[in-house]
Amino acid sequence: QVLLVESGGGLAQPGGSLRLSCAVSGSTFKITPMGWYRRAPGTERELVASITAANYLEYYIDSVKGRFTISRDNAKRMIYLQMNNLKVEDTGVYYCNADQRSLRTWSWGQGTQVTVSS
C-alpha cells in the first residue's frame, strides 16, 4: 500500500510563495509519473502539474505555467511543488498522487491547504 503525506501549505498573500512537499512510501515511486492536484472550493480535483519518472519531463496546466515548478527526488521518495507569484485562485487543497493520465491513482492522502488571500 502506498502512503502519501503532503505538507507545506499555509496562508500566503497574493504574489507570495509556498513550497509543497509530498513523501511517498512504496517501492514503485521511482518508476511512477507523479502529479500535484488541486481541489479548489466548489470544484472537482484537477491535475495542475506532473513529472515523469525517468527523464523528469514536466507538465503544467496553463494557469500555473511560469509560476509553479514541480520536482522530484527519487532517492528520498519526495516530490515538490514550488509555487511563486501566488494568486487568489490558487487557493485549494493540494494533493500528490500518481499521474492519472497514465496510471490509476493510489488512495489519496490528507492533502495540504493553500490559502492565498490579502
Protein backbone atom coordinates (compact mmCIF):
# COMPACT_ATOMS: atom_id res chain seq x y z
CA GLN A 1 0.00 0.00 0.00
CA VAL A 2 1.31 3.42 -0.96
CA LEU A 3 1.01 6.22 1.58
CA LEU A 4 1.09 9.85 0.53
CA VAL A 5 1.82 12.63 3.02
CA GLU A 6 1.59 16.21 1.82
CA SER A 7 2.92 19.21 3.71
CA GLY A 8 3.96 22.81 3.28
CA GLY A 9 0.66 24.53 2.76
CA GLY A 10 -0.44 27.63 4.57
CA LEU A 11 -1.60 31.17 4.16
CA ALA A 12 0.13 33.37 1.63
CA GLN A 13 -0.52 36.79 0.21
CA PRO A 14 -1.03 37.31 -3.50
CA GLY A 15 2.38 37.40 -5.09
CA GLY A 16 3.85 35.25 -2.36
CA SER A 17 5.41 31.82 -2.49
CA LEU A 18 4.97 28.43 -0.91
CA ARG A 19 6.74 25.13 -1.36
CA LEU A 20 4.78 21.95 -1.03
CA SER A 21 6.32 18.58 -0.27
CA CYS A 22 4.99 15.09 -0.60
CA ALA A 23 6.50 11.97 0.91
CA VAL A 24 5.65 8.76 -0.93
CA SER A 25 6.06 5.31 0.51
CA GLY A 26 6.26 2.27 -1.72
CA SER A 27 8.92 0.81 -3.95
CA THR A 28 7.24 1.77 -7.24
CA PHE A 29 7.74 5.50 -6.74
CA LYS A 30 10.91 5.60 -8.81
CA ILE A 31 9.11 4.39 -11.92
CA THR A 32 5.84 6.28 -11.40
CA PRO A 33 4.98 9.56 -13.07
CA MET A 34 3.70 11.82 -10.32
CA GLY A 35 1.41 14.77 -10.14
CA TRP A 36 0.17 17.54 -7.93
CA TYR A 37 -3.56 18.04 -7.85
CA ARG A 38 -5.71 20.85 -6.54
CA ARG A 39 -9.25 20.90 -5.27
CA ALA A 40 -10.45 24.46 -5.21
CA PRO A 41 -13.57 25.33 -3.22
CA GLY A 42 -16.65 24.06 -5.02
CA THR A 43 -14.74 22.36 -7.81
CA GLU A 44 -13.51 18.93 -8.75
CA ARG A 45 -9.95 17.91 -8.05
CA GLU A 46 -7.73 18.67 -11.03
CA LEU A 47 -4.21 17.85 -12.06
CA VAL A 48 -2.11 21.02 -12.07
CA ALA A 49 1.40 19.66 -12.66
CA SER A 50 3.13 16.38 -13.31
CA ILE A 51 6.60 14.98 -13.74
CA THR A 52 7.74 11.78 -15.36
CA ALA A 53 9.82 9.22 -13.53
CA ALA A 54 12.94 8.76 -15.62
CA ASN A 55 13.63 11.90 -17.60
CA TYR A 56 11.70 14.33 -15.39
CA LEU A 57 9.55 15.81 -18.13
CA GLU A 58 7.20 18.39 -16.67
CA TYR A 59 3.61 19.26 -17.47
CA TYR A 60 1.57 22.20 -16.22
CA ILE A 61 -1.90 23.48 -16.77
CA ASP A 62 -1.95 26.88 -18.42
CA SER A 63 -3.00 28.80 -15.33
CA VAL A 64 0.17 27.85 -13.40
CA LYS A 65 2.75 27.84 -16.18
CA GLY A 66 5.67 30.08 -15.36
CA ARG A 67 4.69 30.25 -11.70
CA PHE A 68 4.78 26.66 -10.43
CA THR A 69 7.66 24.22 -10.66
CA ILE A 70 7.33 20.53 -9.93
CA SER A 71 10.35 18.45 -8.98
CA ARG A 72 11.15 15.07 -7.52
CA ASP A 73 13.87 13.32 -5.60
CA ASN A 74 13.68 9.63 -6.33
CA ALA A 75 16.26 8.74 -3.71
CA LYS A 76 14.19 10.39 -0.99
CA ARG A 77 10.83 9.40 -2.48
CA MET A 78 9.70 13.00 -2.45
CA ILE A 79 8.01 15.33 -4.85
CA TYR A 80 7.79 19.07 -4.51
CA LEU A 81 5.78 21.95 -5.87
CA GLN A 82 7.36 25.37 -5.77
CA MET A 83 4.60 27.94 -6.13
CA ASN A 84 5.58 31.52 -6.88
CA ASN A 85 3.56 34.62 -7.64
CA LEU A 86 0.56 33.04 -5.99
CA LYS A 87 -2.91 34.19 -6.95
CA VAL A 88 -6.17 34.05 -5.06
CA GLU A 89 -7.40 31.43 -7.49
CA ASP A 90 -4.60 29.09 -6.42
CA THR A 91 -6.46 28.57 -3.16
CA GLY A 92 -7.40 24.98 -2.50
CA VAL A 93 -6.32 21.68 -1.04
CA TYR A 94 -3.29 20.26 -2.80
CA TYR A 95 -2.65 16.56 -3.14
CA CYS A 96 0.06 14.44 -4.70
CA ASN A 97 -0.55 11.15 -6.42
CA ALA A 98 0.33 9.17 -9.48
CA ASP A 99 -0.33 10.96 -12.77
CA GLN A 100 -3.91 9.98 -13.52
CA ARG A 101 -3.43 10.48 -17.25
CA SER A 102 -1.40 7.30 -17.46
CA LEU A 103 -1.98 5.40 -14.24
CA ARG A 104 -4.64 4.60 -11.72
CA THR A 105 -4.16 6.80 -8.71
CA TRP A 106 -3.43 5.43 -5.28
CA SER A 107 -5.51 6.16 -2.21
CA TRP A 108 -5.44 9.89 -1.57
CA GLY A 109 -3.59 11.47 1.32
CA GLN A 110 -4.98 14.19 3.51
CA GLY A 111 -3.71 16.97 1.29
CA THR A 112 -2.36 20.32 2.37
CA GLN A 113 -4.40 23.51 2.42
CA VAL A 114 -3.16 26.52 0.48
CA THR A 115 -4.94 29.79 1.05
CA VAL A 116 -3.99 32.87 -0.92
CA SER A 117 -5.55 35.98 0.49
CA SER A 118 -4.64 39.54 1.31
